[in-house]
């Protein structure tokens, strides 16, 4: 089992897109706030990147927010999973690689907002069924 802690408020990638026009057709890009978080979070976890990306695992997320503002746990988890794929911790975030996900709101921690992520080796016999 590997535990990864990422400090700070996690922005939602899904709900924070900006529209950029190149020529006639618009493109959707993650917001500047998301891009800054992604860069900072990547620096926090870069030393944890394995030689070979994880291919089969279970993940548990415990999110600690800086305030009582309502947020969607699944969007926060999606941002973290995309970060793990982009940094090479996970080979992909599809259900063949991450077949079991647990999400939990850990409460409000004004001084230390974060997400604690536990990555567990998946039972290979369970994955084949």
N, C-alpha and C. Protein backbone atom coordinates (compact mmCIF):
# COMPACT_ATOMS: atom_id res chain seq x y z
N UNK A 1 0.82 -1.18 0.00
CA UNK A 1 0.00 0.00 0.00
C UNK A 1 0.87 1.24 0.00
N UNK A 2 0.44 2.22 -0.76
CA UNK A 2 1.14 3.49 -0.84
C UNK A 2 0.15 4.59 -0.48
N UNK A 3 0.54 5.51 0.40
CA UNK A 3 -0.31 6.64 0.74
C UNK A 3 0.32 7.91 0.19
N UNK A 4 -0.48 8.68 -0.51
CA UNK A 4 -0.03 9.92 -1.11
C UNK A 4 -0.88 11.05 -0.53
N UNK A 5 -0.23 12.11 -0.07
CA UNK A 5 -0.95 13.26 0.45
C UNK A 5 -0.66 14.45 -0.47
N UNK A 6 -1.73 15.06 -0.95
CA UNK A 6 -1.61 16.25 -1.80
C UNK A 6 -2.25 17.40 -1.05
N UNK A 7 -1.46 18.43 -0.77
CA UNK A 7 -1.94 19.56 0.02
C UNK A 7 -2.63 20.59 -0.87
N UNK A 8 -3.61 21.29 -0.26
CA UNK A 8 -4.31 22.37 -0.95
C UNK A 8 -5.71 21.99 -1.37
N UNK A 9 -6.45 22.99 -1.84
CA UNK A 9 -7.81 22.78 -2.34
C UNK A 9 -7.72 22.19 -3.75
N UNK A 10 -8.45 21.13 -3.99
CA UNK A 10 -8.43 20.48 -5.30
C UNK A 10 -9.54 21.05 -6.16
N UNK A 11 -9.18 21.70 -7.26
CA UNK A 11 -10.22 22.22 -8.15
C UNK A 11 -10.80 21.10 -9.01
N UNK A 12 -12.00 21.31 -9.46
CA UNK A 12 -12.63 20.35 -10.35
C UNK A 12 -12.20 20.66 -11.78
N UNK A 13 -11.64 19.68 -12.45
CA UNK A 13 -11.24 19.86 -13.84
C UNK A 13 -12.47 19.94 -14.74
N UNK A 14 -13.46 19.15 -14.41
CA UNK A 14 -14.66 19.04 -15.22
C UNK A 14 -15.46 20.34 -15.27
N UNK A 15 -15.57 21.02 -14.14
CA UNK A 15 -16.42 22.21 -14.05
C UNK A 15 -15.66 23.52 -14.17
N UNK A 16 -14.42 23.48 -14.58
CA UNK A 16 -13.64 24.72 -14.65
C UNK A 16 -12.91 24.82 -15.99
N UNK A 17 -13.66 24.73 -17.05
CA UNK A 17 -13.07 24.82 -18.39
C UNK A 17 -13.12 26.26 -18.90
N UNK A 18 -12.16 26.61 -19.75
CA UNK A 18 -12.19 27.89 -20.44
C UNK A 18 -12.25 27.61 -21.94
N UNK A 19 -12.90 28.50 -22.66
CA UNK A 19 -13.05 28.34 -24.10
C UNK A 19 -11.96 29.16 -24.79
N UNK A 20 -11.23 28.50 -25.68
CA UNK A 20 -10.16 29.16 -26.43
C UNK A 20 -10.47 28.96 -27.91
N UNK A 21 -10.42 30.04 -28.67
CA UNK A 21 -10.67 29.95 -30.11
C UNK A 21 -9.36 29.95 -30.86
N UNK A 22 -9.17 28.92 -31.68
CA UNK A 22 -8.06 28.86 -32.62
C UNK A 22 -8.69 28.68 -33.98
N UNK A 23 -8.70 29.73 -34.75
CA UNK A 23 -9.42 29.67 -36.02
C UNK A 23 -10.91 29.79 -35.77
N UNK A 24 -11.68 28.96 -36.45
CA UNK A 24 -13.13 29.04 -36.35
C UNK A 24 -13.73 28.19 -35.25
N UNK A 25 -12.99 27.22 -34.75
CA UNK A 25 -13.57 26.25 -33.82
C UNK A 25 -13.02 26.44 -32.41
N UNK A 26 -13.92 26.41 -31.42
CA UNK A 26 -13.47 26.58 -30.03
C UNK A 26 -12.88 25.29 -29.46
N UNK A 27 -11.96 25.46 -28.52
CA UNK A 27 -11.40 24.34 -27.77
C UNK A 27 -11.65 24.59 -26.29
N UNK A 28 -11.87 23.51 -25.56
CA UNK A 28 -12.05 23.61 -24.11
C UNK A 28 -10.75 23.21 -23.42
N UNK A 29 -10.26 24.06 -22.56
CA UNK A 29 -9.03 23.80 -21.81
C UNK A 29 -9.33 23.93 -20.32
N UNK A 30 -8.57 23.23 -19.49
CA UNK A 30 -8.74 23.41 -18.04
C UNK A 30 -8.45 24.86 -17.65
N UNK A 31 -9.11 25.33 -16.59
CA UNK A 31 -8.92 26.70 -16.13
C UNK A 31 -7.49 26.93 -15.65
N UNK A 32 -7.15 28.20 -15.54
CA UNK A 32 -5.82 28.58 -15.04
C UNK A 32 -5.63 28.06 -13.61
N UNK A 33 -6.70 28.15 -12.80
CA UNK A 33 -6.63 27.66 -11.42
C UNK A 33 -6.33 26.16 -11.39
N UNK A 34 -6.97 25.39 -12.28
CA UNK A 34 -6.71 23.95 -12.34
C UNK A 34 -5.28 23.70 -12.80
N UNK A 35 -4.83 24.41 -13.82
CA UNK A 35 -3.47 24.22 -14.33
C UNK A 35 -2.43 24.52 -13.26
N UNK A 36 -2.64 25.58 -12.47
CA UNK A 36 -1.71 25.92 -11.38
C UNK A 36 -1.71 24.82 -10.32
N UNK A 37 -2.91 24.31 -9.96
CA UNK A 37 -2.99 23.22 -8.98
C UNK A 37 -2.27 21.98 -9.52
N UNK A 38 -2.49 21.65 -10.78
CA UNK A 38 -1.89 20.46 -11.39
C UNK A 38 -0.36 20.55 -11.34
N UNK A 39 0.16 21.72 -11.66
CA UNK A 39 1.63 21.93 -11.63
C UNK A 39 2.16 21.79 -10.20
N UNK A 40 1.49 22.43 -9.24
CA UNK A 40 1.91 22.37 -7.84
C UNK A 40 1.80 20.95 -7.29
N UNK A 41 0.68 20.28 -7.56
CA UNK A 41 0.48 18.91 -7.08
C UNK A 41 1.50 17.95 -7.70
N UNK A 42 1.81 18.16 -8.97
CA UNK A 42 2.82 17.32 -9.64
C UNK A 42 4.17 17.43 -8.92
N UNK A 43 4.51 18.65 -8.52
CA UNK A 43 5.78 18.86 -7.80
C UNK A 43 5.75 18.18 -6.43
N UNK A 44 4.56 18.12 -5.81
CA UNK A 44 4.44 17.49 -4.50
C UNK A 44 4.65 15.98 -4.57
N UNK A 45 4.26 15.36 -5.69
CA UNK A 45 4.27 13.89 -5.75
C UNK A 45 5.29 13.32 -6.72
N UNK A 46 6.08 14.14 -7.38
CA UNK A 46 6.98 13.65 -8.42
C UNK A 46 7.95 12.60 -7.90
N UNK A 47 8.35 12.70 -6.65
CA UNK A 47 9.29 11.72 -6.09
C UNK A 47 8.64 10.35 -5.87
N UNK A 48 7.33 10.25 -5.97
CA UNK A 48 6.62 8.98 -5.76
C UNK A 48 6.37 8.20 -7.05
N UNK A 49 6.73 8.78 -8.18
CA UNK A 49 6.45 8.14 -9.46
C UNK A 49 7.26 6.84 -9.58
N UNK A 50 6.58 5.71 -9.79
CA UNK A 50 7.29 4.43 -9.88
C UNK A 50 8.00 4.29 -11.22
N UNK A 51 8.92 3.33 -11.29
CA UNK A 51 9.62 3.05 -12.55
C UNK A 51 8.63 2.62 -13.63
N UNK A 52 7.63 1.85 -13.21
CA UNK A 52 6.60 1.38 -14.13
C UNK A 52 5.25 1.79 -13.54
N UNK A 53 4.36 2.40 -14.34
CA UNK A 53 3.06 2.82 -13.82
C UNK A 53 2.25 1.64 -13.26
N UNK A 54 1.44 1.91 -12.26
CA UNK A 54 0.58 0.90 -11.65
C UNK A 54 -0.47 0.46 -12.67
N UNK A 55 -0.66 -0.86 -12.79
CA UNK A 55 -1.56 -1.42 -13.79
C UNK A 55 -2.87 -1.95 -13.23
N UNK A 56 -2.93 -2.24 -11.92
CA UNK A 56 -4.13 -2.84 -11.35
C UNK A 56 -4.17 -2.51 -9.86
N UNK A 57 -5.14 -1.68 -9.45
CA UNK A 57 -5.16 -1.25 -8.05
C UNK A 57 -6.56 -0.88 -7.59
N UNK A 58 -6.64 -0.64 -6.28
CA UNK A 58 -7.81 -0.08 -5.63
C UNK A 58 -7.35 1.24 -5.03
N UNK A 59 -8.24 2.23 -5.01
CA UNK A 59 -7.86 3.54 -4.49
C UNK A 59 -8.90 4.03 -3.49
N UNK A 60 -8.39 4.62 -2.40
CA UNK A 60 -9.26 5.23 -1.40
C UNK A 60 -8.87 6.69 -1.24
N UNK A 61 -9.84 7.59 -1.42
CA UNK A 61 -9.64 9.02 -1.28
C UNK A 61 -10.30 9.51 0.00
N UNK A 62 -9.59 10.30 0.79
CA UNK A 62 -10.18 11.00 1.93
C UNK A 62 -9.85 12.47 1.73
N UNK A 63 -10.88 13.27 1.51
CA UNK A 63 -10.72 14.68 1.19
C UNK A 63 -11.00 15.55 2.41
N UNK A 64 -10.08 16.48 2.70
CA UNK A 64 -10.23 17.45 3.77
C UNK A 64 -10.30 18.83 3.13
N UNK A 65 -11.44 19.50 3.28
CA UNK A 65 -11.67 20.79 2.63
C UNK A 65 -11.24 21.95 3.53
N UNK A 66 -10.92 23.11 2.93
CA UNK A 66 -10.52 24.27 3.73
C UNK A 66 -11.70 25.03 4.34
N UNK A 67 -12.92 24.73 3.86
CA UNK A 67 -14.10 25.44 4.35
C UNK A 67 -15.34 24.56 4.13
N UNK A 68 -16.51 25.12 4.48
CA UNK A 68 -17.75 24.35 4.36
C UNK A 68 -18.43 24.48 3.01
N UNK A 69 -17.73 25.04 2.03
CA UNK A 69 -18.30 25.19 0.69
C UNK A 69 -18.64 23.81 0.12
N UNK A 70 -19.82 23.68 -0.47
CA UNK A 70 -20.24 22.40 -1.05
C UNK A 70 -19.39 22.08 -2.27
N UNK A 71 -19.06 20.80 -2.42
CA UNK A 71 -18.26 20.35 -3.55
C UNK A 71 -18.63 18.92 -3.90
N UNK A 72 -18.28 18.51 -5.08
CA UNK A 72 -18.58 17.18 -5.58
C UNK A 72 -17.34 16.29 -5.42
N UNK A 73 -17.44 15.26 -4.58
CA UNK A 73 -16.30 14.36 -4.34
C UNK A 73 -15.81 13.69 -5.61
N UNK A 74 -16.73 13.28 -6.47
CA UNK A 74 -16.31 12.56 -7.68
C UNK A 74 -15.49 13.45 -8.61
N UNK A 75 -15.85 14.74 -8.69
CA UNK A 75 -15.06 15.64 -9.54
C UNK A 75 -13.66 15.85 -8.97
N UNK A 76 -13.56 15.93 -7.65
CA UNK A 76 -12.24 16.08 -7.02
C UNK A 76 -11.39 14.83 -7.26
N UNK A 77 -12.01 13.66 -7.12
CA UNK A 77 -11.29 12.40 -7.35
C UNK A 77 -10.84 12.31 -8.81
N UNK A 78 -11.67 12.77 -9.73
CA UNK A 78 -11.31 12.74 -11.15
C UNK A 78 -10.08 13.61 -11.42
N UNK A 79 -10.01 14.77 -10.77
CA UNK A 79 -8.84 15.63 -10.93
C UNK A 79 -7.57 14.93 -10.45
N UNK A 80 -7.66 14.26 -9.31
CA UNK A 80 -6.50 13.56 -8.75
C UNK A 80 -6.12 12.37 -9.62
N UNK A 81 -7.10 11.63 -10.11
CA UNK A 81 -6.80 10.48 -10.98
C UNK A 81 -6.11 10.94 -12.26
N UNK A 82 -6.59 12.03 -12.85
CA UNK A 82 -5.94 12.58 -14.05
C UNK A 82 -4.50 12.99 -13.74
N UNK A 83 -4.29 13.57 -12.57
CA UNK A 83 -2.93 13.92 -12.14
C UNK A 83 -2.05 12.68 -12.06
N UNK A 84 -2.57 11.60 -11.48
CA UNK A 84 -1.80 10.37 -11.35
C UNK A 84 -1.44 9.77 -12.71
N UNK A 85 -2.34 9.87 -13.67
CA UNK A 85 -2.04 9.38 -15.03
C UNK A 85 -1.00 10.28 -15.68
N UNK A 86 -1.18 11.59 -15.57
CA UNK A 86 -0.25 12.54 -16.20
C UNK A 86 1.17 12.43 -15.64
N UNK A 87 1.30 12.11 -14.35
CA UNK A 87 2.63 12.00 -13.74
C UNK A 87 3.23 10.60 -13.87
N UNK A 88 2.45 9.62 -14.31
CA UNK A 88 2.97 8.28 -14.50
C UNK A 88 2.81 7.35 -13.32
N UNK A 89 2.04 7.76 -12.31
CA UNK A 89 1.79 6.86 -11.19
C UNK A 89 0.84 5.74 -11.62
N UNK A 90 -0.19 6.10 -12.38
CA UNK A 90 -1.13 5.12 -12.94
C UNK A 90 -0.94 5.04 -14.45
N UNK A 91 -1.12 3.85 -15.01
CA UNK A 91 -1.03 3.72 -16.46
C UNK A 91 -2.25 4.33 -17.13
N UNK A 92 -3.39 4.28 -16.47
CA UNK A 92 -4.65 4.84 -16.98
C UNK A 92 -5.59 4.94 -15.79
N UNK A 93 -6.73 5.59 -15.97
CA UNK A 93 -7.70 5.65 -14.87
C UNK A 93 -9.00 4.93 -15.24
N UNK A 94 -8.92 4.02 -16.19
CA UNK A 94 -10.12 3.25 -16.55
C UNK A 94 -10.36 2.15 -15.53
N UNK A 95 -11.50 1.48 -15.62
CA UNK A 95 -11.87 0.49 -14.59
C UNK A 95 -11.07 -0.79 -14.65
N UNK A 96 -10.31 -1.02 -15.71
CA UNK A 96 -9.44 -2.19 -15.74
C UNK A 96 -8.18 -1.95 -14.90
N UNK A 97 -7.78 -0.71 -14.79
CA UNK A 97 -6.61 -0.35 -13.97
C UNK A 97 -7.04 -0.05 -12.54
N UNK A 98 -8.08 0.77 -12.39
CA UNK A 98 -8.61 1.13 -11.07
C UNK A 98 -10.04 0.62 -11.00
N UNK A 99 -10.18 -0.60 -10.51
CA UNK A 99 -11.49 -1.25 -10.49
C UNK A 99 -12.28 -1.03 -9.22
N UNK A 100 -11.71 -0.37 -8.24
CA UNK A 100 -12.38 -0.18 -6.96
C UNK A 100 -11.96 1.17 -6.40
N UNK A 101 -12.93 2.08 -6.22
CA UNK A 101 -12.65 3.42 -5.73
C UNK A 101 -13.55 3.72 -4.54
N UNK A 102 -12.95 4.22 -3.47
CA UNK A 102 -13.70 4.62 -2.28
C UNK A 102 -13.47 6.11 -2.07
N UNK A 103 -14.55 6.86 -1.89
CA UNK A 103 -14.47 8.30 -1.67
C UNK A 103 -15.05 8.64 -0.31
N UNK A 104 -14.35 9.51 0.43
CA UNK A 104 -14.83 9.89 1.75
C UNK A 104 -14.48 11.35 2.00
N UNK A 105 -15.44 12.09 2.55
CA UNK A 105 -15.18 13.45 2.99
C UNK A 105 -14.69 13.37 4.42
N UNK A 106 -13.45 13.77 4.66
CA UNK A 106 -12.85 13.66 5.98
C UNK A 106 -13.19 14.81 6.91
N UNK A 107 -13.76 15.89 6.37
CA UNK A 107 -14.14 17.03 7.18
C UNK A 107 -13.45 18.30 6.73
N UNK A 108 -13.63 19.34 7.53
CA UNK A 108 -13.03 20.64 7.24
C UNK A 108 -11.75 20.77 8.05
N UNK A 109 -10.67 21.14 7.38
CA UNK A 109 -9.39 21.41 8.03
C UNK A 109 -8.87 22.71 7.43
N UNK A 110 -9.22 23.83 8.06
CA UNK A 110 -8.87 25.15 7.53
C UNK A 110 -7.37 25.35 7.37
N UNK A 111 -6.59 24.76 8.26
CA UNK A 111 -5.14 24.97 8.25
C UNK A 111 -4.40 24.02 7.31
N UNK A 112 -5.00 22.88 7.01
CA UNK A 112 -4.31 21.88 6.20
C UNK A 112 -5.27 21.15 5.26
N UNK A 113 -5.88 21.88 4.29
CA UNK A 113 -6.73 21.18 3.33
C UNK A 113 -5.87 20.25 2.48
N UNK A 114 -6.43 19.06 2.17
CA UNK A 114 -5.62 18.07 1.46
C UNK A 114 -6.50 16.93 1.01
N UNK A 115 -5.88 16.04 0.24
CA UNK A 115 -6.49 14.75 -0.05
C UNK A 115 -5.45 13.70 0.32
N UNK A 116 -5.92 12.67 1.01
CA UNK A 116 -5.07 11.53 1.35
C UNK A 116 -5.53 10.38 0.47
N UNK A 117 -4.61 9.85 -0.31
CA UNK A 117 -4.95 8.81 -1.28
C UNK A 117 -4.20 7.53 -0.94
N UNK A 118 -4.93 6.48 -0.68
CA UNK A 118 -4.33 5.17 -0.46
C UNK A 118 -4.44 4.35 -1.73
N UNK A 119 -3.33 3.86 -2.21
CA UNK A 119 -3.32 3.01 -3.41
C UNK A 119 -2.95 1.60 -2.96
N UNK A 120 -3.85 0.66 -3.23
CA UNK A 120 -3.69 -0.72 -2.79
C UNK A 120 -3.59 -1.64 -3.99
N UNK A 121 -2.77 -2.66 -3.87
CA UNK A 121 -2.68 -3.65 -4.93
C UNK A 121 -4.01 -4.38 -5.04
N UNK A 122 -4.51 -4.51 -6.26
CA UNK A 122 -5.78 -5.20 -6.47
C UNK A 122 -5.58 -6.70 -6.42
N UNK A 123 -6.58 -7.39 -5.95
CA UNK A 123 -6.56 -8.85 -5.92
C UNK A 123 -6.71 -9.33 -7.36
N UNK A 124 -5.70 -9.99 -7.89
CA UNK A 124 -5.73 -10.38 -9.30
C UNK A 124 -6.80 -11.42 -9.59
N UNK A 125 -7.13 -12.26 -8.64
CA UNK A 125 -8.19 -13.24 -8.89
C UNK A 125 -9.54 -12.54 -8.96
N UNK A 126 -9.70 -11.50 -8.17
CA UNK A 126 -10.95 -10.73 -8.17
C UNK A 126 -11.09 -9.96 -9.47
N UNK A 127 -9.99 -9.43 -9.99
CA UNK A 127 -10.02 -8.63 -11.21
C UNK A 127 -10.39 -9.46 -12.43
N UNK A 128 -10.07 -10.74 -12.45
CA UNK A 128 -10.33 -11.58 -13.61
C UNK A 128 -11.78 -12.04 -13.70
N UNK A 129 -12.49 -12.01 -12.59
CA UNK A 129 -13.87 -12.50 -12.59
C UNK A 129 -14.81 -11.57 -13.29
